[in-house]
Amino acid sequence: MASFADQKGAETLSQKLKKKGYEAYVAAGEVPEKGTRYRVRIGHYPSRAEAQKAAEGIQEAEKLSFLITTDSGK
């Protein structure tokens, strides 16, 4: 749902989304030439179609853009 250079910003958004009932969490990752980025993610979905449907609902409700990704570690 969002990407931050600082962990505090990501944690703040994640907590706000959790309070609204979303399954939000922060995942850190290295970005070439940018260093560590802290990404706020929501949920784990069994299919891309289900993720798309959920993301569209979140976008409408929260006015946040989204990018659907796969989590190769799961």
N, C-alpha and C. Protein backbone atom coordinates (compact mmCIF):
# COMPACT_ATOMS: atom_id res chain seq x y z
N MET A 1 0.82 -1.18 0.00
CA MET A 1 0.00 0.00 0.00
C MET A 1 0.86 1.25 0.00
N ALA A 2 2.07 1.16 0.57
CA ALA A 2 2.95 2.32 0.62
C ALA A 2 4.38 1.86 0.85
N SER A 3 5.31 2.75 0.53
CA SER A 3 6.73 2.46 0.74
C SER A 3 7.37 3.69 1.39
N PHE A 4 8.18 3.44 2.41
CA PHE A 4 8.81 4.51 3.17
C PHE A 4 10.31 4.29 3.28
N ALA A 5 11.04 5.39 3.36
CA ALA A 5 12.48 5.31 3.60
C ALA A 5 12.76 5.07 5.08
N ASP A 6 11.82 5.47 5.95
CA ASP A 6 12.03 5.26 7.39
C ASP A 6 10.99 4.28 7.93
N GLN A 7 11.43 3.46 8.83
CA GLN A 7 10.57 2.42 9.40
C GLN A 7 9.43 3.01 10.20
N LYS A 8 9.66 4.12 10.88
CA LYS A 8 8.63 4.72 11.73
C LYS A 8 7.39 5.10 10.92
N GLY A 9 7.59 5.69 9.75
CA GLY A 9 6.46 6.07 8.90
C GLY A 9 5.66 4.85 8.48
N ALA A 10 6.36 3.80 8.12
CA ALA A 10 5.69 2.56 7.70
C ALA A 10 4.91 1.94 8.86
N GLU A 11 5.52 1.92 10.03
CA GLU A 11 4.84 1.34 11.20
C GLU A 11 3.61 2.16 11.57
N THR A 12 3.69 3.47 11.44
CA THR A 12 2.54 4.33 11.76
C THR A 12 1.37 4.02 10.84
N LEU A 13 1.61 3.94 9.53
CA LEU A 13 0.53 3.62 8.60
C LEU A 13 0.01 2.21 8.85
N SER A 14 0.89 1.27 9.08
CA SER A 14 0.48 -0.10 9.34
C SER A 14 -0.45 -0.17 10.54
N GLN A 15 -0.12 0.53 11.61
CA GLN A 15 -0.96 0.53 12.82
C GLN A 15 -2.32 1.16 12.55
N LYS A 16 -2.35 2.24 11.78
CA LYS A 16 -3.63 2.89 11.44
C LYS A 16 -4.51 1.92 10.66
N LEU A 17 -3.92 1.20 9.71
CA LEU A 17 -4.68 0.25 8.92
C LEU A 17 -5.16 -0.93 9.77
N LYS A 18 -4.32 -1.39 10.70
CA LYS A 18 -4.72 -2.48 11.60
C LYS A 18 -5.92 -2.08 12.44
N LYS A 19 -5.91 -0.83 12.93
CA LYS A 19 -7.02 -0.34 13.75
C LYS A 19 -8.33 -0.32 12.96
N LYS A 20 -8.22 -0.23 11.65
CA LYS A 20 -9.41 -0.24 10.78
C LYS A 20 -9.79 -1.66 10.37
N GLY A 21 -9.06 -2.65 10.87
CA GLY A 21 -9.41 -4.04 10.61
C GLY A 21 -8.66 -4.72 9.48
N TYR A 22 -7.69 -4.03 8.89
CA TYR A 22 -6.92 -4.64 7.81
C TYR A 22 -5.78 -5.48 8.37
N GLU A 23 -5.38 -6.50 7.64
CA GLU A 23 -4.28 -7.37 8.01
C GLU A 23 -2.97 -6.75 7.49
N ALA A 24 -2.59 -5.61 8.06
CA ALA A 24 -1.43 -4.85 7.59
C ALA A 24 -0.16 -5.28 8.31
N TYR A 25 0.96 -5.18 7.59
CA TYR A 25 2.26 -5.46 8.17
C TYR A 25 3.34 -4.73 7.38
N VAL A 26 4.53 -4.63 7.96
CA VAL A 26 5.66 -3.95 7.33
C VAL A 26 6.69 -4.98 6.90
N ALA A 27 7.16 -4.85 5.67
CA ALA A 27 8.21 -5.72 5.14
C ALA A 27 9.35 -4.84 4.64
N ALA A 28 10.56 -5.11 5.11
CA ALA A 28 11.72 -4.35 4.67
C ALA A 28 12.36 -5.02 3.47
N GLY A 29 12.87 -4.21 2.57
CA GLY A 29 13.54 -4.75 1.39
C GLY A 29 14.55 -3.76 0.85
N GLU A 30 15.59 -4.28 0.24
CA GLU A 30 16.62 -3.44 -0.35
C GLU A 30 16.23 -3.04 -1.77
N VAL A 31 16.38 -1.76 -2.06
CA VAL A 31 16.10 -1.22 -3.39
C VAL A 31 17.41 -0.66 -3.94
N PRO A 32 17.86 -1.13 -5.10
CA PRO A 32 19.11 -0.63 -5.66
C PRO A 32 19.13 0.89 -5.74
N GLU A 33 20.21 1.46 -5.31
CA GLU A 33 20.47 2.90 -5.32
C GLU A 33 19.57 3.71 -4.38
N LYS A 34 18.70 3.03 -3.61
CA LYS A 34 17.84 3.74 -2.67
C LYS A 34 17.99 3.22 -1.24
N GLY A 35 18.61 2.06 -1.09
CA GLY A 35 18.78 1.49 0.24
C GLY A 35 17.56 0.72 0.71
N THR A 36 17.40 0.63 2.01
CA THR A 36 16.29 -0.11 2.60
C THR A 36 15.01 0.70 2.49
N ARG A 37 13.95 0.04 2.04
CA ARG A 37 12.62 0.64 1.98
C ARG A 37 11.71 -0.22 2.84
N TYR A 38 10.80 0.42 3.53
CA TYR A 38 9.86 -0.27 4.40
C TYR A 38 8.48 -0.20 3.75
N ARG A 39 7.99 -1.35 3.36
CA ARG A 39 6.74 -1.42 2.60
C ARG A 39 5.59 -1.86 3.50
N VAL A 40 4.49 -1.14 3.39
CA VAL A 40 3.29 -1.52 4.13
C VAL A 40 2.47 -2.40 3.20
N ARG A 41 2.19 -3.59 3.68
CA ARG A 41 1.44 -4.56 2.89
C ARG A 41 0.19 -4.97 3.66
N ILE A 42 -0.77 -5.47 2.91
CA ILE A 42 -2.02 -5.94 3.53
C ILE A 42 -2.33 -7.33 3.02
N GLY A 43 -2.50 -8.25 3.97
CA GLY A 43 -3.01 -9.58 3.68
C GLY A 43 -2.17 -10.51 2.84
N HIS A 44 -2.64 -11.72 2.80
CA HIS A 44 -2.12 -12.79 1.95
C HIS A 44 -3.35 -13.40 1.30
N TYR A 45 -3.36 -13.47 0.00
CA TYR A 45 -4.54 -13.92 -0.74
C TYR A 45 -4.20 -15.16 -1.56
N PRO A 46 -5.15 -16.09 -1.67
CA PRO A 46 -4.88 -17.33 -2.39
C PRO A 46 -4.77 -17.18 -3.91
N SER A 47 -5.28 -16.06 -4.43
CA SER A 47 -5.19 -15.85 -5.88
C SER A 47 -5.03 -14.36 -6.19
N ARG A 48 -4.49 -14.10 -7.35
CA ARG A 48 -4.32 -12.71 -7.79
C ARG A 48 -5.69 -12.02 -7.93
N ALA A 49 -6.69 -12.75 -8.39
CA ALA A 49 -8.04 -12.18 -8.54
C ALA A 49 -8.60 -11.73 -7.19
N GLU A 50 -8.40 -12.54 -6.16
CA GLU A 50 -8.88 -12.17 -4.83
C GLU A 50 -8.10 -10.97 -4.28
N ALA A 51 -6.81 -10.93 -4.54
CA ALA A 51 -6.00 -9.78 -4.11
C ALA A 51 -6.46 -8.52 -4.83
N GLN A 52 -6.74 -8.63 -6.10
CA GLN A 52 -7.21 -7.48 -6.90
C GLN A 52 -8.53 -6.95 -6.34
N LYS A 53 -9.45 -7.84 -6.05
CA LYS A 53 -10.75 -7.44 -5.52
C LYS A 53 -10.59 -6.73 -4.17
N ALA A 54 -9.77 -7.31 -3.30
CA ALA A 54 -9.54 -6.70 -1.98
C ALA A 54 -8.86 -5.34 -2.13
N ALA A 55 -7.88 -5.26 -3.01
CA ALA A 55 -7.14 -4.01 -3.21
C ALA A 55 -8.05 -2.90 -3.73
N GLU A 56 -8.95 -3.24 -4.62
CA GLU A 56 -9.88 -2.24 -5.14
C GLU A 56 -10.80 -1.71 -4.03
N GLY A 57 -11.23 -2.59 -3.14
CA GLY A 57 -12.06 -2.16 -2.01
C GLY A 57 -11.29 -1.27 -1.06
N ILE A 58 -10.05 -1.62 -0.80
CA ILE A 58 -9.21 -0.81 0.09
C ILE A 58 -8.93 0.55 -0.56
N GLN A 59 -8.66 0.54 -1.85
CA GLN A 59 -8.38 1.79 -2.56
C GLN A 59 -9.59 2.73 -2.46
N GLU A 60 -10.76 2.20 -2.65
CA GLU A 60 -11.98 3.00 -2.58
C GLU A 60 -12.19 3.55 -1.16
N ALA A 61 -12.03 2.69 -0.16
CA ALA A 61 -12.29 3.08 1.22
C ALA A 61 -11.23 4.00 1.80
N GLU A 62 -9.97 3.75 1.46
CA GLU A 62 -8.86 4.46 2.10
C GLU A 62 -8.17 5.48 1.21
N LYS A 63 -8.54 5.52 -0.05
CA LYS A 63 -7.92 6.45 -1.01
C LYS A 63 -6.41 6.22 -1.12
N LEU A 64 -6.01 4.96 -1.10
CA LEU A 64 -4.61 4.57 -1.25
C LEU A 64 -4.45 3.80 -2.56
N SER A 65 -3.36 4.03 -3.24
CA SER A 65 -3.09 3.25 -4.44
C SER A 65 -2.51 1.90 -4.02
N PHE A 66 -2.39 0.98 -4.97
CA PHE A 66 -1.89 -0.34 -4.62
C PHE A 66 -1.06 -0.93 -5.74
N LEU A 67 -0.28 -1.91 -5.36
CA LEU A 67 0.50 -2.71 -6.29
C LEU A 67 0.41 -4.14 -5.75
N ILE A 68 -0.04 -5.05 -6.58
CA ILE A 68 -0.15 -6.44 -6.15
C ILE A 68 1.16 -7.14 -6.46
N THR A 69 1.70 -7.80 -5.43
CA THR A 69 2.97 -8.52 -5.59
C THR A 69 2.81 -9.95 -5.09
N THR A 70 3.78 -10.76 -5.41
CA THR A 70 3.82 -12.11 -4.86
C THR A 70 4.90 -12.14 -3.79
N ASP A 71 4.71 -12.98 -2.83
CA ASP A 71 5.67 -13.13 -1.74
C ASP A 71 6.34 -14.47 -1.95
N SER A 72 7.51 -14.45 -2.55
CA SER A 72 8.20 -15.70 -2.89
C SER A 72 8.61 -16.51 -1.67
N GLY A 73 8.60 -15.89 -0.49
CA GLY A 73 8.97 -16.61 0.72
C GLY A 73 7.83 -17.39 1.34
N LYS A 74 6.64 -17.30 0.77
CA LYS A 74 5.47 -17.97 1.37
C LYS A 74 5.00 -19.08 0.48
